Amino acid sequence: MKHLDNDTIIEFILLGLLQYTPTHFCIFMLITMMFFFTLTGNSLLILLILVDCHLHTPMYFFLWQLSLIDILFTLAIVPKMMTNYLLHKEVISTFHCGAQIFLGLALGGTECILLGLMSYDRYVAICKPLHYPLLMNWPLCKQMAVSSWASGLFNALIHTVYTMRLPFCGSREINHFYCELPGVLRLSCEDTLTYETGILISTTILLLIPFSVILASYTLILVTVIQMSSAEGRKKAFSTCSSHLTVVSLYYGAIIFMYMRPISSHTSGQDKVASVFYTILTPMLNPMIYSLRNKDVMGALKKVLCKCSLYFKM
């Protein structure tokens, strides 16, 4: 066990998500495929939005920001987990552990706010279409995006600095597949009850407020959709809203379960399952939900593929 003194640990041990069994190796291969699908799907979505002028709208501006977050979030967590499993390694330095805490909190917090902004954008577009150019103008959209990133980064910086300055004693084993705040806090030999209250307050601001905006926005959208005279329009809107809400519920539900409970009530098994939802599953689902069911994105993809085919025929 490597220590600088009684309270300073220079590395931790990640016990990981998987064991070395045939079943868990199959799960590892599945996670690997999901990892590459996440990178490919989100990268392609960003490319299409940036190169197609028809997708230069507030909705797609927020969408490529979401895809960027999903890529960074996945890269911050999954490669290290995969490397540790393949090389039978469990050690992670305090620097890399702190980096994972910071990136997880920063990107997760930013995504929560961004999802709220995206739902508000859809509410204005569907319920107040005549006011859309005024309420969702480009300067305001850019300010919203910068504010969401700044809020996520500031919140992450505070929690990371405080957590990594705590005294750690005894076991340095983190029963998780990456350094997440609750798992690291359990190793502290200092009473963290007051700090946990601070976590709850910041979680309420970054999670529940955007989640309330999402629920309110989609409720008003559904009310508007019900009043539509076109049955086909209602069916399409219901389908889109339900798929969006499913992904949002998976993401928010897992994070609320993780960060809005006392640290003492956490179990490693529950924490690992909850973390899989927002580190592996939803980053993969987002490009499918927001693009494959979107005719504008699919149209942009067809144009890019046509240009590529013409280029290679030359």
C-alpha atoms as a PDB file:
ATOM      1  CA  MET A   1       0.000   0.000   0.000  1.00  0.00           C
ATOM      2  CA  LYS A   2       1.615   3.249  -1.101  1.00  0.00           C
ATOM      3  CA  HIS A   3       1.333   6.197   1.300  1.00  0.00           C
ATOM      4  CA  LEU A   4       3.188   9.449   1.671  1.00  0.00           C
ATOM      5  CA  ASP A   5       2.080   9.655   5.319  1.00  0.00           C
ATOM      6  CA  ASN A   6      -0.697   8.241   7.472  1.00  0.00           C
ATOM      7  CA  ASP A   7      -3.435  10.181   5.712  1.00  0.00           C
ATOM      8  CA  THR A   8      -2.095  10.702   2.178  1.00  0.00           C
ATOM      9  CA  ILE A   9      -2.674   7.968  -0.369  1.00  0.00           C
ATOM     10  CA  ILE A  10      -0.897   8.283  -3.712  1.00  0.00           C
ATOM     11  CA  GLU A  11      -2.950   5.586  -5.447  1.00  0.00           C
ATOM     12  CA  PHE A  12      -6.247   3.740  -5.130  1.00  0.00           C
ATOM     13  CA  ILE A  13      -7.393   0.274  -6.146  1.00  0.00           C
ATOM     14  CA  LEU A  14     -10.425  -0.025  -8.448  1.00  0.00           C
ATOM     15  CA  LEU A  15     -12.103  -3.385  -7.940  1.00  0.00           C
ATOM     16  CA  GLY A  16     -13.862  -3.017 -11.297  1.00  0.00           C
ATOM     17  CA  LEU A  17     -17.185  -4.028 -12.793  1.00  0.00           C
ATOM     18  CA  LEU A  18     -16.403  -7.495 -14.164  1.00  0.00           C
ATOM     19  CA  GLN A  19     -14.833 -10.723 -12.973  1.00  0.00           C
ATOM     20  CA  TYR A  20     -12.663 -13.070 -15.043  1.00  0.00           C
ATOM     21  CA  THR A  21     -15.385 -15.508 -16.040  1.00  0.00           C
ATOM     22  CA  PRO A  22     -16.700 -16.479 -19.507  1.00  0.00           C
ATOM     23  CA  THR A  23     -19.999 -14.688 -18.827  1.00  0.00           C
ATOM     24  CA  HIS A  24     -18.310 -11.492 -17.722  1.00  0.00           C
ATOM     25  CA  PHE A  25     -15.944 -11.639 -20.699  1.00  0.00           C
ATOM     26  CA  CYS A  26     -19.008 -11.672 -22.976  1.00  0.00           C
ATOM     27  CA  ILE A  27     -20.312  -8.625 -21.093  1.00  0.00           C
ATOM     28  CA  PHE A  28     -16.909  -6.982 -21.589  1.00  0.00           C
ATOM     29  CA  MET A  29     -17.162  -7.577 -25.359  1.00  0.00           C
ATOM     30  CA  LEU A  30     -20.671  -6.090 -25.334  1.00  0.00           C
ATOM     31  CA  ILE A  31     -19.406  -3.004 -23.482  1.00  0.00           C
ATOM     32  CA  THR A  32     -16.566  -2.715 -25.999  1.00  0.00           C
ATOM     33  CA  MET A  33     -19.022  -2.730 -28.905  1.00  0.00           C
ATOM     34  CA  MET A  34     -21.211  -0.164 -27.132  1.00  0.00           C
ATOM     35  CA  PHE A  35     -18.117   1.996 -26.561  1.00  0.00           C
ATOM     36  CA  PHE A  36     -17.190   2.072 -30.248  1.00  0.00           C
ATOM     37  CA  PHE A  37     -20.813   2.573 -31.271  1.00  0.00           C
ATOM     38  CA  THR A  38     -21.027   5.540 -28.889  1.00  0.00           C
ATOM     39  CA  LEU A  39     -17.924   7.154 -30.364  1.00  0.00           C
ATOM     40  CA  THR A  40     -18.981   6.480 -33.957  1.00  0.00           C
ATOM     41  CA  GLY A  41     -22.627   7.526 -33.554  1.00  0.00           C
ATOM     42  CA  ASN A  42     -21.927  10.745 -31.670  1.00  0.00           C
ATOM     43  CA  SER A  43     -18.970  11.725 -33.880  1.00  0.00           C
ATOM     44  CA  LEU A  44     -21.062  11.196 -37.005  1.00  0.00           C
ATOM     45  CA  LEU A  45     -23.897  13.253 -35.552  1.00  0.00           C
ATOM     46  CA  ILE A  46     -21.530  16.143 -34.757  1.00  0.00           C
ATOM     47  CA  LEU A  47     -20.070  15.970 -38.278  1.00  0.00           C
ATOM     48  CA  LEU A  48     -23.492  16.043 -39.942  1.00  0.00           C
ATOM     49  CA  ILE A  49     -24.663  18.996 -37.849  1.00  0.00           C
ATOM     50  CA  LEU A  50     -21.516  21.011 -38.543  1.00  0.00           C
ATOM     51  CA  VAL A  51     -21.337  20.401 -42.316  1.00  0.00           C
ATOM     52  CA  ASP A  52     -25.056  20.670 -43.201  1.00  0.00           C
ATOM     53  CA  CYS A  53     -26.288  24.275 -43.159  1.00  0.00           C
ATOM     54  CA  HIS A  54     -29.909  23.083 -42.798  1.00  0.00           C
ATOM     55  CA  LEU A  55     -29.007  21.766 -39.344  1.00  0.00           C
ATOM     56  CA  HIS A  56     -27.617  25.093 -38.130  1.00  0.00           C
ATOM     57  CA  THR A  57     -30.535  25.713 -35.783  1.00  0.00           C
ATOM     58  CA  PRO A  58     -30.706  26.047 -31.971  1.00  0.00           C
ATOM     59  CA  MET A  59     -32.021  22.490 -31.551  1.00  0.00           C
ATOM     60  CA  TYR A  60     -29.092  20.927 -33.414  1.00  0.00           C
ATOM     61  CA  PHE A  61     -26.639  23.335 -31.795  1.00  0.00           C
ATOM     62  CA  PHE A  62     -27.629  21.911 -28.404  1.00  0.00           C
ATOM     63  CA  LEU A  63     -27.643  18.392 -29.862  1.00  0.00           C
ATOM     64  CA  TRP A  64     -24.025  18.480 -31.024  1.00  0.00           C
ATOM     65  CA  GLN A  65     -23.049  19.839 -27.622  1.00  0.00           C
ATOM     66  CA  LEU A  66     -24.802  16.822 -26.075  1.00  0.00           C
ATOM     67  CA  SER A  67     -22.947  14.465 -28.417  1.00  0.00           C
ATOM     68  CA  LEU A  68     -19.621  16.096 -27.530  1.00  0.00           C
ATOM     69  CA  ILE A  69     -20.346  15.590 -23.824  1.00  0.00           C
ATOM     70  CA  ASP A  70     -21.239  11.935 -24.418  1.00  0.00           C
ATOM     71  CA  ILE A  71     -17.953  11.361 -26.274  1.00  0.00           C
ATOM     72  CA  LEU A  72     -15.853  13.026 -23.574  1.00  0.00           C
ATOM     73  CA  PHE A  73     -17.772  11.284 -20.768  1.00  0.00           C
ATOM     74  CA  THR A  74     -17.234   7.886 -22.376  1.00  0.00           C
ATOM     75  CA  LEU A  75     -13.543   8.526 -23.058  1.00  0.00           C
ATOM     76  CA  ALA A  76     -12.994   9.623 -19.447  1.00  0.00           C
ATOM     77  CA  ILE A  77     -14.362   6.381 -17.993  1.00  0.00           C
ATOM     78  CA  VAL A  78     -14.573   3.394 -20.333  1.00  0.00           C
ATOM     79  CA  PRO A  79     -11.005   3.107 -21.784  1.00  0.00           C
ATOM     80  CA  LYS A  80      -9.487   2.961 -18.298  1.00  0.00           C
ATOM     81  CA  MET A  81     -12.009   0.308 -17.259  1.00  0.00           C
ATOM     82  CA  MET A  82     -11.282  -1.744 -20.398  1.00  0.00           C
ATOM     83  CA  THR A  83      -7.500  -1.436 -19.968  1.00  0.00           C
ATOM     84  CA  ASN A  84      -7.637  -2.480 -16.327  1.00  0.00           C
ATOM     85  CA  TYR A  85      -9.698  -5.539 -17.218  1.00  0.00           C
ATOM     86  CA  LEU A  86      -7.478  -6.652 -20.090  1.00  0.00           C
ATOM     87  CA  LEU A  87      -4.204  -6.067 -18.232  1.00  0.00           C
ATOM     88  CA  HIS A  88      -5.507  -7.363 -14.881  1.00  0.00           C
ATOM     89  CA  LYS A  89      -4.660  -3.996 -13.358  1.00  0.00           C
ATOM     90  CA  GLU A  90      -6.524  -2.407 -10.488  1.00  0.00           C
ATOM     91  CA  VAL A  91      -4.337   0.558  -9.506  1.00  0.00           C
ATOM     92  CA  ILE A  92      -5.233   4.168 -10.334  1.00  0.00           C
ATOM     93  CA  SER A  93      -3.178   7.161  -9.198  1.00  0.00           C
ATOM     94  CA  THR A  94      -4.751   9.898  -7.100  1.00  0.00           C
ATOM     95  CA  PHE A  95      -4.240  12.335  -9.993  1.00  0.00           C
ATOM     96  CA  HIS A  96      -6.153  10.148 -12.453  1.00  0.00           C
ATOM     97  CA  CYS A  97      -8.754   9.395  -9.789  1.00  0.00           C
ATOM     98  CA  GLY A  98      -9.291  13.119  -9.220  1.00  0.00           C
ATOM     99  CA  ALA A  99      -9.444  13.665 -12.991  1.00  0.00           C
ATOM    100  CA  GLN A 100     -12.200  11.043 -13.296  1.00  0.00           C
ATOM    101  CA  ILE A 101     -14.169  12.644 -10.468  1.00  0.00           C
ATOM    102  CA  PHE A 102     -13.811  16.087 -12.055  1.00  0.00           C
ATOM    103  CA  LEU A 103     -14.724  14.994 -15.593  1.00  0.00           C
ATOM    104  CA  GLY A 104     -17.618  12.838 -14.389  1.00  0.00           C
ATOM    105  CA  LEU A 105     -19.141  15.667 -12.353  1.00  0.00           C
ATOM    106  CA  ALA A 106     -18.411  18.396 -14.919  1.00  0.00           C
ATOM    107  CA  LEU A 107     -19.742  16.535 -17.941  1.00  0.00           C
ATOM    108  CA  GLY A 108     -22.638  14.979 -16.042  1.00  0.00           C
ATOM    109  CA  GLY A 109     -23.731  18.317 -14.588  1.00  0.00           C
ATOM    110  CA  THR A 110     -23.420  20.077 -17.952  1.00  0.00           C
ATOM    111  CA  GLU A 111     -25.482  17.360 -19.653  1.00  0.00           C
ATOM    112  CA  CYS A 112     -28.248  17.680 -17.062  1.00  0.00           C
ATOM    113  CA  ILE A 113     -28.573  21.417 -17.733  1.00  0.00           C
ATOM    114  CA  LEU A 114     -28.262  20.908 -21.497  1.00  0.00           C
ATOM    115  CA  LEU A 115     -31.100  18.367 -21.548  1.00  0.00           C
ATOM    116  CA  GLY A 116     -33.272  20.930 -19.758  1.00  0.00           C
ATOM    117  CA  LEU A 117     -32.380  23.569 -22.356  1.00  0.00           C
ATOM    118  CA  MET A 118     -33.174  21.150 -25.191  1.00  0.00           C
ATOM    119  CA  SER A 119     -36.614  20.415 -23.760  1.00  0.00           C
ATOM    120  CA  TYR A 120     -37.298  24.149 -23.410  1.00  0.00           C
ATOM    121  CA  ASP A 121     -36.246  24.631 -27.041  1.00  0.00           C
ATOM    122  CA  ARG A 122     -38.754  21.981 -28.149  1.00  0.00           C
ATOM    123  CA  TYR A 123     -41.474  23.561 -25.997  1.00  0.00           C
ATOM    124  CA  VAL A 124     -40.964  26.963 -27.642  1.00  0.00           C
ATOM    125  CA  ALA A 125     -40.774  25.429 -31.134  1.00  0.00           C
ATOM    126  CA  ILE A 126     -44.026  23.452 -30.749  1.00  0.00           C
ATOM    127  CA  CYS A 127     -46.108  25.564 -28.370  1.00  0.00           C
ATOM    128  CA  LYS A 128     -44.936  29.087 -29.322  1.00  0.00           C
ATOM    129  CA  PRO A 129     -43.675  28.784 -32.908  1.00  0.00           C
ATOM    130  CA  LEU A 130     -44.289  32.458 -33.739  1.00  0.00           C
ATOM    131  CA  HIS A 131     -42.097  33.558 -30.841  1.00  0.00           C
ATOM    132  CA  TYR A 132     -39.351  31.017 -31.544  1.00  0.00           C
ATOM    133  CA  PRO A 133     -36.923  33.359 -33.401  1.00  0.00           C
ATOM    134  CA  LEU A 134     -37.182  35.848 -30.532  1.00  0.00           C
ATOM    135  CA  LEU A 135     -37.034  33.431 -27.585  1.00  0.00           C
ATOM    136  CA  MET A 136     -34.332  31.174 -29.065  1.00  0.00           C
ATOM    137  CA  ASN A 137     -32.073  33.625 -30.886  1.00  0.00           C
ATOM    138  CA  TRP A 138     -28.430  32.706 -31.510  1.00  0.00           C
ATOM    139  CA  PRO A 139     -26.800  35.005 -28.914  1.00  0.00           C
ATOM    140  CA  LEU A 140     -29.137  33.633 -26.235  1.00  0.00           C
ATOM    141  CA  CYS A 141     -28.490  30.008 -27.268  1.00  0.00           C
ATOM    142  CA  LYS A 142     -24.728  30.546 -27.065  1.00  0.00           C
ATOM    143  CA  GLN A 143     -25.099  32.165 -23.637  1.00  0.00           C
ATOM    144  CA  MET A 144     -27.180  29.196 -22.481  1.00  0.00           C
ATOM    145  CA  ALA A 145     -24.552  26.727 -23.702  1.00  0.00           C
ATOM    146  CA  VAL A 146     -21.673  28.645 -22.079  1.00  0.00           C
ATOM    147  CA  SER A 147     -23.646  28.920 -18.821  1.00  0.00           C
ATOM    148  CA  SER A 148     -24.336  25.180 -18.750  1.00  0.00           C
ATOM    149  CA  TRP A 149     -20.650  24.340 -19.283  1.00  0.00           C
ATOM    150  CA  ALA A 150     -19.516  26.934 -16.733  1.00  0.00           C
ATOM    151  CA  SER A 151     -21.972  25.651 -14.111  1.00  0.00           C
ATOM    152  CA  GLY A 152     -20.910  22.045 -14.595  1.00  0.00           C
ATOM    153  CA  LEU A 153     -17.194  22.870 -14.483  1.00  0.00           C
ATOM    154  CA  PHE A 154     -17.497  25.133 -11.420  1.00  0.00           C
ATOM    155  CA  ASN A 155     -19.517  22.559  -9.479  1.00  0.00           C
ATOM    156  CA  ALA A 156     -17.058  19.791 -10.404  1.00  0.00           C
ATOM    157  CA  LEU A 157     -14.026  21.872  -9.433  1.00  0.00           C
ATOM    158  CA  ILE A 158     -15.379  22.583  -5.949  1.00  0.00           C
ATOM    159  CA  HIS A 159     -16.286  18.956  -5.213  1.00  0.00           C
ATOM    160  CA  THR A 160     -13.088  17.512  -6.692  1.00  0.00           C
ATOM    161  CA  VAL A 161     -10.758  19.824  -4.771  1.00  0.00           C
ATOM    162  CA  TYR A 162     -12.602  19.259  -1.494  1.00  0.00           C
ATOM    163  CA  THR A 163     -12.827  15.480  -1.912  1.00  0.00           C
ATOM    164  CA  MET A 164      -9.191  14.954  -2.897  1.00  0.00           C
ATOM    165  CA  ARG A 165      -8.025  17.026   0.095  1.00  0.00           C
ATOM    166  CA  LEU A 166      -9.845  14.762   2.558  1.00  0.00           C
ATOM    167  CA  PRO A 167      -7.712  12.485   4.764  1.00  0.00           C
ATOM    168  CA  PHE A 168      -7.896   8.829   3.701  1.00  0.00           C
ATOM    169  CA  CYS A 169      -6.925   6.017   6.022  1.00  0.00           C
ATOM    170  CA  GLY A 170      -7.322   2.265   6.129  1.00  0.00           C
ATOM    171  CA  SER A 171      -8.497   0.609   2.929  1.00  0.00           C
ATOM    172  CA  ARG A 172      -7.786   2.267  -0.402  1.00  0.00           C
ATOM    173  CA  GLU A 173     -10.072  -0.098  -2.343  1.00  0.00           C
ATOM    174  CA  ILE A 174     -12.867   1.540  -4.351  1.00  0.00           C
ATOM    175  CA  ASN A 175     -15.489  -1.070  -5.158  1.00  0.00           C
ATOM    176  CA  HIS A 176     -16.369   0.514  -8.480  1.00  0.00           C
ATOM    177  CA  PHE A 177     -15.151   0.563 -12.084  1.00  0.00           C
ATOM    178  CA  TYR A 178     -14.101   4.227 -11.904  1.00  0.00           C
ATOM    179  CA  CYS A 179     -13.476   6.928  -9.314  1.00  0.00           C
ATOM    180  CA  GLU A 180     -16.906   8.298  -8.537  1.00  0.00           C
ATOM    181  CA  LEU A 181     -17.565  10.735  -5.712  1.00  0.00           C
ATOM    182  CA  PRO A 182     -19.635   8.475  -3.380  1.00  0.00           C
ATOM    183  CA  GLY A 183     -17.146   5.608  -3.657  1.00  0.00           C
ATOM    184  CA  VAL A 184     -14.154   7.809  -2.825  1.00  0.00           C
ATOM    185  CA  LEU A 185     -15.927   9.539   0.067  1.00  0.00           C
ATOM    186  CA  ARG A 186     -16.480   6.177   1.760  1.00  0.00           C
ATOM    187  CA  LEU A 187     -12.700   5.850   2.166  1.00  0.00           C
ATOM    188  CA  SER A 188     -12.333   9.062   4.138  1.00  0.00           C
ATOM    189  CA  CYS A 189     -11.589   8.783   7.844  1.00  0.00           C
ATOM    190  CA  GLU A 190     -13.199  12.191   8.392  1.00  0.00           C
ATOM    191  CA  ASP A 191     -16.905  12.763   9.096  1.00  0.00           C
ATOM    192  CA  THR A 192     -18.396  13.839   5.733  1.00  0.00           C
ATOM    193  CA  LEU A 193     -22.022  14.290   6.825  1.00  0.00           C
ATOM    194  CA  THR A 194     -21.917  18.099   6.487  1.00  0.00           C
ATOM    195  CA  TYR A 195     -20.233  17.811   3.102  1.00  0.00           C
ATOM    196  CA  GLU A 196     -22.884  15.319   1.965  1.00  0.00           C
ATOM    197  CA  THR A 197     -25.484  18.006   2.679  1.00  0.00           C
ATOM    198  CA  GLY A 198     -23.567  20.282   0.314  1.00  0.00           C
ATOM    199  CA  ILE A 199     -23.597  17.553  -2.326  1.00  0.00           C
ATOM    200  CA  LEU A 200     -27.364  17.222  -1.905  1.00  0.00           C
ATOM    201  CA  ILE A 201     -27.841  20.982  -2.379  1.00  0.00           C
ATOM    202  CA  SER A 202     -25.711  21.119  -5.531  1.00  0.00           C
ATOM    203  CA  THR A 203     -27.425  17.991  -6.853  1.00  0.00           C
ATOM    204  CA  THR A 204     -30.820  19.575  -6.307  1.00  0.00           C
ATOM    205  CA  ILE A 205     -29.769  22.614  -8.330  1.00  0.00           C
ATOM    206  CA  LEU A 206     -28.078  20.731 -11.167  1.00  0.00           C
ATOM    207  CA  LEU A 207     -30.518  17.808 -11.370  1.00  0.00           C
ATOM    208  CA  LEU A 208     -33.967  18.589 -10.057  1.00  0.00           C
ATOM    209  CA  ILE A 209     -34.319  22.081 -11.539  1.00  0.00           C
ATOM    210  CA  PRO A 210     -33.480  20.976 -15.128  1.00  0.00           C
ATOM    211  CA  PHE A 211     -35.540  17.806 -14.619  1.00  0.00           C
ATOM    212  CA  SER A 212     -38.507  19.952 -13.542  1.00  0.00           C
ATOM    213  CA  VAL A 213     -38.051  22.064 -16.685  1.00  0.00           C
ATOM    214  CA  ILE A 214     -38.057  18.868 -18.779  1.00  0.00           C
ATOM    215  CA  LEU A 215     -41.232  17.527 -17.172  1.00  0.00           C
ATOM    216  CA  ALA A 216     -43.010  20.891 -17.467  1.00  0.00           C
ATOM    217  CA  SER A 217     -41.906  21.365 -21.096  1.00  0.00           C
ATOM    218  CA  TYR A 218     -43.013  17.915 -22.239  1.00  0.00           C
ATOM    219  CA  THR A 219     -46.285  18.181 -20.326  1.00  0.00           C
ATOM    220  CA  LEU A 220     -47.113  21.418 -22.171  1.00  0.00           C
ATOM    221  CA  ILE A 221     -45.960  19.860 -25.453  1.00  0.00           C
ATOM    222  CA  LEU A 222     -48.249  16.847 -24.935  1.00  0.00           C
ATOM    223  CA  VAL A 223     -51.182  19.146 -24.131  1.00  0.00           C
ATOM    224  CA  THR A 224     -50.532  20.997 -27.394  1.00  0.00           C
ATOM    225  CA  VAL A 225     -50.153  17.734 -29.319  1.00  0.00           C
ATOM    226  CA  ILE A 226     -53.448  16.376 -28.016  1.00  0.00           C
ATOM    227  CA  GLN A 227     -55.169  19.442 -29.432  1.00  0.00           C
ATOM    228  CA  MET A 228     -53.732  18.794 -32.918  1.00  0.00           C
ATOM    229  CA  SER A 229     -56.297  18.032 -35.580  1.00  0.00           C
ATOM    230  CA  SER A 230     -53.973  15.686 -37.482  1.00  0.00           C
ATOM    231  CA  ALA A 231     -53.941  12.111 -36.162  1.00  0.00           C
ATOM    232  CA  GLU A 232     -50.648  11.431 -37.960  1.00  0.00           C
ATOM    233  CA  GLY A 233     -49.098  14.524 -36.378  1.00  0.00           C
ATOM    234  CA  ARG A 234     -50.226  13.429 -32.926  1.00  0.00           C
ATOM    235  CA  LYS A 235     -48.821   9.942 -33.434  1.00  0.00           C
ATOM    236  CA  LYS A 236     -45.451  11.274 -34.603  1.00  0.00           C
ATOM    237  CA  ALA A 237     -45.209  13.782 -31.747  1.00  0.00           C
ATOM    238  CA  PHE A 238     -46.147  11.165 -29.131  1.00  0.00           C
ATOM    239  CA  SER A 239     -43.550   8.771 -30.538  1.00  0.00           C
ATOM    240  CA  THR A 240     -40.813  11.414 -30.471  1.00  0.00           C
ATOM    241  CA  CYS A 241     -41.684  12.676 -26.987  1.00  0.00           C
ATOM    242  CA  SER A 242     -41.893   9.171 -25.503  1.00  0.00           C
ATOM    243  CA  SER A 243     -38.475   8.159 -26.880  1.00  0.00           C
ATOM    244  CA  HIS A 244     -36.875  11.375 -25.611  1.00  0.00           C
ATOM    245  CA  LEU A 245     -38.459  10.993 -22.178  1.00  0.00           C
ATOM    246  CA  THR A 246     -37.333   7.366 -21.944  1.00  0.00           C
ATOM    247  CA  VAL A 247     -33.663   8.263 -22.403  1.00  0.00           C
ATOM    248  CA  VAL A 248     -33.943  11.308 -20.127  1.00  0.00           C
ATOM    249  CA  SER A 249     -35.631   9.214 -17.420  1.00  0.00           C
ATOM    250  CA  LEU A 250     -32.891   6.562 -17.583  1.00  0.00           C
ATOM    251  CA  TYR A 251     -30.193   9.215 -17.292  1.00  0.00           C
ATOM    252  CA  TYR A 252     -31.770  11.349 -14.587  1.00  0.00           C
ATOM    253  CA  GLY A 253     -33.154   8.399 -12.654  1.00  0.00           C
ATOM    254  CA  ALA A 254     -29.731   6.768 -12.336  1.00  0.00           C
ATOM    255  CA  ILE A 255     -27.980  10.010 -11.316  1.00  0.00           C
ATOM    256  CA  ILE A 256     -30.666  10.969  -8.792  1.00  0.00           C
ATOM    257  CA  PHE A 257     -30.441   7.450  -7.340  1.00  0.00           C
ATOM    258  CA  MET A 258     -26.664   7.837  -7.043  1.00  0.00           C
ATOM    259  CA  TYR A 259     -26.299  11.381  -5.726  1.00  0.00           C
ATOM    260  CA  MET A 260     -29.466  12.107  -3.752  1.00  0.00           C
ATOM    261  CA  ARG A 261     -29.035   9.383  -1.129  1.00  0.00           C
ATOM    262  CA  PRO A 262     -26.837   9.374   1.969  1.00  0.00           C
ATOM    263  CA  ILE A 263     -23.396   7.846   1.293  1.00  0.00           C
ATOM    264  CA  SER A 264     -24.021   5.351   4.123  1.00  0.00           C
ATOM    265  CA  SER A 265     -26.984   3.847   2.241  1.00  0.00           C
ATOM    266  CA  HIS A 266     -24.964   3.093  -0.909  1.00  0.00           C
ATOM    267  CA  THR A 267     -23.997  -0.449  -1.864  1.00  0.00           C
ATOM    268  CA  SER A 268     -21.303  -1.183  -4.434  1.00  0.00           C
ATOM    269  CA  GLY A 269     -23.584  -3.375  -6.555  1.00  0.00           C
ATOM    270  CA  GLN A 270     -26.294  -0.716  -6.821  1.00  0.00           C
ATOM    271  CA  ASP A 271     -23.746   2.017  -7.539  1.00  0.00           C
ATOM    272  CA  LYS A 272     -22.155   0.043 -10.377  1.00  0.00           C
ATOM    273  CA  VAL A 273     -25.482  -0.706 -12.053  1.00  0.00           C
ATOM    274  CA  ALA A 274     -26.654   2.903 -11.740  1.00  0.00           C
ATOM    275  CA  SER A 275     -23.359   4.204 -13.141  1.00  0.00           C
ATOM    276  CA  VAL A 276     -23.573   1.914 -16.178  1.00  0.00           C
ATOM    277  CA  PHE A 277     -26.765   3.718 -17.231  1.00  0.00           C
ATOM    278  CA  TYR A 278     -25.240   7.188 -17.502  1.00  0.00           C
ATOM    279  CA  THR A 279     -21.642   6.291 -18.428  1.00  0.00           C
ATOM    280  CA  ILE A 280     -22.251   3.568 -21.025  1.00  0.00           C
ATOM    281  CA  LEU A 281     -25.927   3.116 -21.944  1.00  0.00           C
ATOM    282  CA  THR A 282     -27.379   6.612 -22.456  1.00  0.00           C
ATOM    283  CA  PRO A 283     -24.325   7.966 -24.369  1.00  0.00           C
ATOM    284  CA  MET A 284     -24.921   5.152 -26.847  1.00  0.00           C
ATOM    285  CA  LEU A 285     -28.698   5.680 -27.016  1.00  0.00           C
ATOM    286  CA  ASN A 286     -28.642   9.463 -27.464  1.00  0.00           C
ATOM    287  CA  PRO A 287     -27.468   9.548 -31.114  1.00  0.00           C
ATOM    288  CA  MET A 288     -29.979   6.815 -32.020  1.00  0.00           C
ATOM    289  CA  ILE A 289     -32.920   8.521 -30.328  1.00  0.00           C
ATOM    290  CA  TYR A 290     -32.111  12.027 -31.548  1.00  0.00           C
ATOM    291  CA  SER A 291     -30.967  11.181 -35.077  1.00  0.00           C
ATOM    292  CA  LEU A 292     -32.250   7.895 -36.494  1.00  0.00           C
ATOM    293  CA  ARG A 293     -35.832   9.030 -35.878  1.00  0.00           C
ATOM    294  CA  ASN A 294     -35.105  12.491 -37.313  1.00  0.00           C
ATOM    295  CA  LYS A 295     -35.717  13.015 -41.019  1.00  0.00           C
ATOM    296  CA  ASP A 296     -33.498  16.130 -41.175  1.00  0.00           C
ATOM    297  CA  VAL A 297     -30.488  14.266 -39.786  1.00  0.00           C
ATOM    298  CA  MET A 298     -31.129  11.247 -41.989  1.00  0.00           C
ATOM    299  CA  GLY A 299     -31.444  13.561 -44.986  1.00  0.00           C
ATOM    300  CA  ALA A 300     -28.084  15.136 -44.134  1.00  0.00           C
ATOM    301  CA  LEU A 301     -26.549  11.652 -43.812  1.00  0.00           C
ATOM    302  CA  LYS A 302     -27.834  10.649 -47.267  1.00  0.00           C
ATOM    303  CA  LYS A 303     -26.339  13.803 -48.797  1.00  0.00           C
ATOM    304  CA  VAL A 304     -22.966  13.134 -47.201  1.00  0.00           C
ATOM    305  CA  LEU A 305     -23.012   9.502 -48.361  1.00  0.00           C
ATOM    306  CA  CYS A 306     -23.910  10.607 -51.907  1.00  0.00           C
ATOM    307  CA  LYS A 307     -21.041  13.086 -51.960  1.00  0.00           C
ATOM    308  CA  CYS A 308     -18.654  10.423 -50.677  1.00  0.00           C
ATOM    309  CA  SER A 309     -19.770   7.920 -53.316  1.00  0.00           C
ATOM    310  CA  LEU A 310     -19.337  10.512 -56.090  1.00  0.00           C
ATOM    311  CA  TYR A 311     -15.874  11.377 -54.762  1.00  0.00           C
ATOM    312  CA  PHE A 312     -14.693   7.764 -54.793  1.00  0.00           C
ATOM    313  CA  LYS A 313     -16.099   7.213 -58.307  1.00  0.00           C
ATOM    314  CA  MET A 314     -14.001  10.067 -59.680  1.00  0.00           C
END
